[in-house]
Amino acid sequence: MKWLNHTLIAGAACAVISPPHVAACVAGATAPDWLEYLFKLSGRHIKHRGPTHILSHWLIAATAFTFVWDYHGLLAAFAWGGVSHILTDALTVSGVPFSPLSDRRFHLFGGRFRTGDPIEYAIAAAVVIAVIGLSHVTGGAGFAPFFFDWGGLYQQGVIDGAEWKANRFRLI
């Protein structure tokens, strides 16, 4: 998948679960690819979707940081962003390695599309829409930077009556 889609999927999911951790989650969602770049800068050339894309490593890190030790949830958000990257890459034809001990590749739903296909963008959009819908259904008061509660802002005294009247029917 492209970085844009990794960022959208991880950012949307994290924004509903824990808005302050979106930056860490997005950094984790792109980490397997930029870690490859760092290895190449250090002179060690590794294969794309190789050692930095191992599903078991990211799952172990996410589980450990979630349940054992973490610094204000930042490491857990980073690791779960990495898991989302690996799972979305597993949707592609080339898949991802499941374990360093095996040559087998892990595929979700048979790995039916290639990176950059229009279906990739459709999947990212569907995930973002589903996450937003789930947030509204569950009554989540999570991160919604574009949908302001103008009535609530007026009731709290944050805005005045003129601003409320001017914006009450605006969604964005």
Protein backbone atom coordinates (compact mmCIF):
# COMPACT_ATOMS: atom_id res chain seq x y z
CA MET A 1 0.00 0.00 0.00
CA LYS A 2 0.97 3.61 -0.41
CA TRP A 3 1.98 5.74 2.58
CA LEU A 4 -1.13 7.89 2.18
CA ASN A 5 -3.39 4.91 2.76
CA HIS A 6 -1.32 3.57 5.67
CA THR A 7 -1.55 7.01 7.26
CA LEU A 8 -5.29 7.37 6.68
CA ILE A 9 -6.18 3.96 8.04
CA ALA A 10 -3.98 4.12 11.16
CA GLY A 11 -4.75 7.78 11.84
CA ALA A 12 -8.51 7.31 11.59
CA ALA A 13 -8.52 4.24 13.82
CA CYS A 14 -6.29 5.88 16.41
CA ALA A 15 -8.27 9.13 16.35
CA VAL A 16 -11.33 7.24 17.56
CA ILE A 17 -9.49 5.19 20.17
CA SER A 18 -7.02 7.76 21.52
CA PRO A 19 -6.75 11.16 19.78
CA PRO A 20 -3.55 12.29 21.54
CA HIS A 21 -1.68 9.29 20.14
CA VAL A 22 -2.47 9.86 16.44
CA ALA A 23 1.03 11.16 15.62
CA ALA A 24 2.72 8.14 17.22
CA CYS A 25 0.33 5.76 15.47
CA VAL A 26 0.91 7.39 12.08
CA ALA A 27 4.68 7.24 12.63
CA GLY A 28 4.30 3.53 13.38
CA ALA A 29 2.09 3.03 10.35
CA THR A 30 4.88 4.23 8.09
CA ALA A 31 7.74 2.79 10.17
CA PRO A 32 8.31 -0.49 8.30
CA ASP A 33 9.07 1.47 5.14
CA TRP A 34 11.18 4.27 6.61
CA LEU A 35 13.12 1.74 8.70
CA GLU A 36 14.14 0.11 5.42
CA TYR A 37 15.37 3.49 4.24
CA LEU A 38 17.40 3.97 7.44
CA PHE A 39 19.01 0.56 6.96
CA LYS A 40 19.94 1.53 3.40
CA LEU A 41 21.46 4.81 4.62
CA SER A 42 23.62 2.87 7.07
CA GLY A 43 24.93 0.73 4.23
CA ARG A 44 22.90 -2.39 4.97
CA HIS A 45 20.64 -3.14 2.03
CA ILE A 46 17.55 -5.13 2.90
CA LYS A 47 14.73 -6.36 0.73
CA HIS A 48 11.42 -4.45 0.66
CA ARG A 49 8.87 -6.23 2.82
CA GLY A 50 11.66 -8.13 4.46
CA PRO A 51 12.92 -7.89 8.06
CA THR A 52 11.01 -4.69 8.86
CA HIS A 53 7.69 -6.20 7.75
CA ILE A 54 7.58 -9.35 9.90
CA LEU A 55 4.06 -9.73 11.31
CA SER A 56 5.04 -11.68 14.41
CA HIS A 57 7.58 -9.03 15.49
CA TRP A 58 5.06 -6.20 15.25
CA LEU A 59 2.39 -8.22 17.08
CA ILE A 60 4.79 -9.09 19.90
CA ALA A 61 5.86 -5.44 20.22
CA ALA A 62 2.26 -4.20 20.22
CA THR A 63 1.20 -6.76 22.82
CA ALA A 64 4.20 -6.09 25.05
CA PHE A 65 3.80 -2.32 24.92
CA THR A 66 0.06 -2.55 25.51
CA PHE A 67 0.10 -4.95 28.46
CA VAL A 68 3.61 -4.97 29.93
CA TRP A 69 5.34 -1.58 29.69
CA ASP A 70 4.78 1.68 27.92
CA TYR A 71 5.48 5.38 28.24
CA HIS A 72 2.11 7.17 28.22
CA GLY A 73 0.79 4.88 25.50
CA LEU A 74 3.17 6.24 22.85
CA LEU A 75 5.02 2.99 22.21
CA ALA A 76 1.78 1.01 22.05
CA ALA A 77 0.31 3.47 19.54
CA PHE A 78 3.52 3.27 17.48
CA ALA A 79 3.49 -0.54 17.51
CA TRP A 80 -0.22 -0.82 16.67
CA GLY A 81 0.37 1.58 13.79
CA GLY A 82 3.06 -0.83 12.60
CA VAL A 83 0.61 -3.73 12.89
CA SER A 84 -1.89 -1.82 10.75
CA HIS A 85 0.84 -1.30 8.13
CA ILE A 86 1.67 -4.99 8.07
CA LEU A 87 -1.98 -6.06 7.87
CA THR A 88 -2.72 -3.70 5.00
CA ASP A 89 0.40 -4.84 3.15
CA ALA A 90 -0.83 -8.41 3.67
CA LEU A 91 -3.79 -7.56 1.41
CA THR A 92 -1.45 -7.25 -1.56
CA VAL A 93 -0.21 -9.96 -3.91
CA SER A 94 3.30 -10.07 -2.42
CA GLY A 95 2.07 -10.26 1.20
CA VAL A 96 4.39 -10.03 4.21
CA PRO A 97 6.62 -12.51 6.06
CA PHE A 98 4.87 -14.10 9.02
CA SER A 99 8.00 -15.08 10.89
CA PRO A 100 11.76 -14.84 10.36
CA LEU A 101 11.90 -18.62 10.76
CA SER A 102 9.73 -19.33 7.73
CA ASP A 103 9.84 -18.51 4.02
CA ARG A 104 6.04 -18.43 3.81
CA ARG A 105 4.28 -15.14 3.20
CA PHE A 106 1.15 -14.03 5.04
CA HIS A 107 -1.81 -12.85 2.94
CA LEU A 108 -5.17 -11.46 4.06
CA PHE A 109 -8.12 -12.44 1.87
CA GLY A 110 -5.81 -14.12 -0.61
CA GLY A 111 -3.74 -11.01 -1.38
CA ARG A 112 -5.78 -9.98 -4.37
CA PHE A 113 -4.54 -6.52 -5.38
CA ARG A 114 -1.35 -4.70 -6.23
CA THR A 115 0.02 -1.57 -4.59
CA GLY A 116 -1.42 1.52 -6.25
CA ASP A 117 -4.55 -0.19 -7.61
CA PRO A 118 -7.77 1.83 -7.28
CA ILE A 119 -9.12 -0.82 -4.89
CA GLU A 120 -6.38 0.19 -2.43
CA TYR A 121 -7.82 3.70 -2.20
CA ALA A 122 -11.35 2.31 -1.97
CA ILE A 123 -10.34 0.09 0.95
CA ALA A 124 -8.69 3.02 2.75
CA ALA A 125 -11.78 5.19 2.20
CA ALA A 126 -14.07 2.40 3.38
CA VAL A 127 -12.03 1.91 6.55
CA VAL A 128 -12.02 5.64 7.31
CA ILE A 129 -15.79 5.90 6.71
CA ALA A 130 -16.43 2.79 8.82
CA VAL A 131 -14.33 4.14 11.68
CA ILE A 132 -16.11 7.50 11.58
CA GLY A 133 -19.48 5.73 11.47
CA LEU A 134 -18.52 3.48 14.37
CA SER A 135 -17.44 6.51 16.34
CA HIS A 136 -20.79 8.20 15.81
CA VAL A 137 -22.79 5.04 16.56
CA THR A 138 -20.96 4.42 19.82
CA GLY A 139 -21.26 8.08 20.80
CA GLY A 140 -17.54 8.61 20.79
CA ALA A 141 -16.45 12.12 21.50
CA GLY A 142 -13.14 11.44 19.83
CA PHE A 143 -11.13 13.51 17.45
CA ALA A 144 -13.27 15.23 14.82
CA PRO A 145 -11.28 18.19 13.52
CA PHE A 146 -13.69 19.07 10.71
CA PHE A 147 -17.11 18.58 12.34
CA PHE A 148 -17.71 21.22 14.95
CA ASP A 149 -20.51 21.13 17.50
CA TRP A 150 -21.54 24.74 16.99
CA GLY A 151 -24.50 24.47 19.36
CA GLY A 152 -22.32 22.97 22.08
CA LEU A 153 -19.69 25.66 21.61
CA TYR A 154 -22.41 28.32 21.95
CA GLN A 155 -23.83 26.67 25.08
CA GLN A 156 -20.36 26.56 26.66
CA GLY A 157 -19.83 30.24 25.91
CA VAL A 158 -16.88 29.60 23.60
CA ILE A 159 -18.57 31.40 20.68
CA ASP A 160 -21.17 34.15 20.60
CA GLY A 161 -24.65 34.11 19.07
CA ALA A 162 -23.56 35.77 15.82
CA GLU A 163 -20.90 33.13 15.18
CA TRP A 164 -23.35 30.34 16.02
CA LYS A 165 -25.94 31.75 13.60
CA ALA A 166 -23.35 32.10 10.86
CA ASN A 167 -22.06 28.54 11.25
CA ARG A 168 -24.94 26.42 12.59
CA PHE A 169 -25.61 24.69 9.26
CA ARG A 170 -21.96 24.29 8.24
CA LEU A 171 -20.60 20.77 8.48
CA ILE A 172 -17.01 21.66 7.71
